[in-house]
Amino acid sequence: MKVSIEEISKEQEEEILIRCHEVNNKIYEIVNKLKLEDLIFLGYHNDRIHRLKISDIYYFEAVDGKVFIYCKDEIYEVKHKLYELEELCKGRKCFRTSKSTILNMAKISFVRPSLSGRFEAVLDNGERVVISRQYVPVLKNMLGL
């Protein structure tokens, strides 16, 4: 595969063009990675507002009417509802794991079956997230199983 980069003037709009013989899963994966960088969330922590890239987010969780963003070392509050975040993250390898959690697939180290038809995902930072029975088929589909 040939990769070309062309520098353009500031007046021109930046674009990425993919020329391929067939649009397959590999092409979709490349496009999703490019789109992944565009999504930014505002997270609130210690009276400060932080810009958080979706690629830095491990998962979202709703607790007591508030929604939190969990990153590698920090937790931020977000002003969106969980269903709004789910809609914003569509097509970006994020999926609902339970009624209160949305997980970023890119941060999963491995998954394993758990009790009663549930699965457990171990994330890159060592945290464990339970995937409810209801959402296991979504996980399997995303993994291509």
Protein backbone atom coordinates (compact mmCIF):
# COMPACT_ATOMS: atom_id res chain seq x y z
CA MET A 1 0.00 0.00 0.00
CA LYS A 2 1.34 3.39 -0.99
CA VAL A 3 1.07 6.30 1.48
CA SER A 4 1.41 9.89 0.21
CA ILE A 5 1.47 13.14 2.17
CA GLU A 6 1.17 16.53 0.51
CA GLU A 7 1.64 19.83 2.32
CA ILE A 8 -0.87 22.49 1.32
CA SER A 9 -1.31 26.19 2.01
CA LYS A 10 -3.34 27.43 4.99
CA GLU A 11 -6.07 28.69 2.64
CA GLN A 12 -6.84 25.18 1.38
CA GLU A 13 -9.04 22.78 3.32
CA GLU A 14 -7.31 19.70 4.71
CA GLU A 15 -8.65 16.37 3.48
CA ILE A 16 -7.82 12.70 3.58
CA LEU A 17 -8.51 10.67 0.44
CA ILE A 18 -8.44 6.87 0.48
CA ARG A 19 -8.15 5.13 -2.88
CA CYS A 20 -8.78 1.41 -2.65
CA HIS A 21 -9.84 -1.55 -4.77
CA GLU A 22 -12.41 -2.64 -2.22
CA VAL A 23 -13.95 -1.02 0.87
CA ASN A 24 -13.38 -3.67 3.53
CA ASN A 25 -13.06 -3.87 7.31
CA LYS A 26 -9.47 -2.64 7.22
CA ILE A 27 -10.54 0.54 5.39
CA TYR A 28 -13.40 1.09 7.86
CA GLU A 29 -10.94 0.62 10.73
CA ILE A 30 -8.63 3.29 9.30
CA VAL A 31 -11.54 5.70 8.81
CA ASN A 32 -12.78 5.07 12.37
CA LYS A 33 -9.32 5.77 13.77
CA LEU A 34 -9.23 9.06 11.89
CA LYS A 35 -12.71 10.01 13.12
CA LEU A 36 -11.84 8.94 16.65
CA GLU A 37 -9.48 11.87 17.08
CA ASP A 38 -12.15 14.46 16.23
CA LEU A 39 -14.49 13.80 19.15
CA ILE A 40 -13.76 15.99 22.20
CA PHE A 41 -15.68 16.04 25.49
CA LEU A 42 -15.59 18.65 28.22
CA GLY A 43 -14.81 17.12 31.59
CA TYR A 44 -15.14 18.98 34.88
CA HIS A 45 -12.64 18.32 37.69
CA ASN A 46 -11.54 20.54 40.62
CA ASP A 47 -13.31 23.65 39.30
CA ARG A 48 -11.54 23.28 35.95
CA ILE A 49 -12.83 22.35 32.54
CA HIS A 50 -10.70 19.85 30.59
CA ARG A 51 -10.84 18.95 26.90
CA LEU A 52 -10.80 15.16 26.65
CA LYS A 53 -10.25 13.19 23.44
CA ILE A 54 -12.33 10.04 23.03
CA SER A 55 -9.04 8.17 22.55
CA ASP A 56 -8.09 9.04 26.17
CA ILE A 57 -11.42 7.90 27.64
CA TYR A 58 -11.75 4.40 29.09
CA TYR A 59 -15.47 4.51 29.91
CA PHE A 60 -18.47 6.61 30.90
CA GLU A 61 -20.54 5.75 33.96
CA ALA A 62 -23.77 7.16 35.39
CA VAL A 63 -23.84 7.28 39.20
CA ASP A 64 -26.60 8.93 41.28
CA GLY A 65 -27.91 11.06 38.42
CA LYS A 66 -24.45 12.29 37.36
CA VAL A 67 -22.29 11.02 34.51
CA PHE A 68 -18.53 10.58 34.86
CA ILE A 69 -15.68 10.08 32.39
CA TYR A 70 -12.99 7.64 33.50
CA CYS A 71 -9.55 8.14 32.00
CA LYS A 72 -6.29 6.38 32.88
CA ASP A 73 -5.64 8.27 36.12
CA GLU A 74 -8.46 10.80 36.50
CA ILE A 75 -12.23 10.96 36.76
CA TYR A 76 -14.17 13.87 35.30
CA GLU A 77 -17.83 14.83 35.45
CA VAL A 78 -19.58 15.42 32.14
CA LYS A 79 -22.80 17.39 31.61
CA HIS A 80 -24.28 14.96 29.04
CA LYS A 81 -26.72 12.18 29.80
CA LEU A 82 -25.58 8.62 29.11
CA TYR A 83 -27.96 8.18 26.16
CA GLU A 84 -26.55 11.40 24.60
CA LEU A 85 -23.00 10.09 24.97
CA GLU A 86 -24.03 6.79 23.43
CA GLU A 87 -25.38 8.67 20.40
CA LEU A 88 -22.24 10.85 20.11
CA CYS A 89 -19.98 7.79 20.28
CA LYS A 90 -21.81 5.74 17.63
CA GLY A 91 -19.39 4.30 15.09
CA ARG A 92 -16.40 4.94 17.33
CA LYS A 93 -15.92 1.50 18.91
CA CYS A 94 -17.81 2.41 22.08
CA PHE A 95 -20.70 0.32 23.35
CA ARG A 96 -23.07 0.04 26.26
CA THR A 97 -21.98 -2.65 28.74
CA SER A 98 -24.77 -2.11 31.25
CA LYS A 99 -27.62 0.25 32.03
CA SER A 100 -25.11 2.69 33.53
CA THR A 101 -21.87 2.20 31.55
CA ILE A 102 -20.48 2.86 28.05
CA LEU A 103 -17.06 1.32 27.34
CA ASN A 104 -14.36 2.32 24.83
CA MET A 105 -13.35 -0.91 23.03
CA ALA A 106 -9.91 0.52 22.27
CA LYS A 107 -9.06 0.42 25.99
CA ILE A 108 -9.88 -3.28 26.53
CA SER A 109 -6.84 -5.42 27.27
CA PHE A 110 -8.84 -8.68 27.31
CA VAL A 111 -12.31 -10.08 28.02
CA ARG A 112 -13.34 -13.26 29.74
CA PRO A 113 -16.61 -14.98 30.58
CA SER A 114 -17.94 -14.35 34.08
CA LEU A 115 -20.89 -15.69 36.06
CA SER A 116 -24.48 -15.97 34.80
CA GLY A 117 -23.72 -15.25 31.14
CA ARG A 118 -21.92 -11.98 31.85
CA PHE A 119 -18.44 -11.09 30.65
CA GLU A 120 -15.68 -9.14 32.35
CA ALA A 121 -13.46 -6.70 30.47
CA VAL A 122 -10.04 -5.90 31.88
CA LEU A 123 -8.88 -2.50 30.69
CA ASP A 124 -5.37 -1.29 29.87
CA ASN A 125 -5.16 0.47 33.24
CA GLY A 126 -6.11 -2.72 35.15
CA GLU A 127 -9.71 -1.73 35.93
CA ARG A 128 -12.41 -4.34 35.47
CA VAL A 129 -15.80 -3.63 33.89
CA VAL A 130 -18.68 -6.12 33.95
CA ILE A 131 -20.59 -6.57 30.70
CA SER A 132 -24.21 -7.44 31.41
CA ARG A 133 -25.79 -10.50 29.81
CA GLN A 134 -28.00 -8.24 27.70
CA TYR A 135 -24.98 -6.54 26.06
CA VAL A 136 -22.71 -9.59 25.56
CA PRO A 137 -24.04 -10.14 21.99
CA VAL A 138 -23.04 -6.56 21.11
CA LEU A 139 -19.51 -7.24 22.40
CA LYS A 140 -19.26 -10.49 20.47
CA ASN A 141 -20.45 -8.75 17.30
CA MET A 142 -17.88 -5.97 17.72
CA LEU A 143 -15.14 -8.57 18.26
CA GLY A 144 -16.26 -10.46 15.17
CA LEU A 145 -17.25 -13.62 17.08
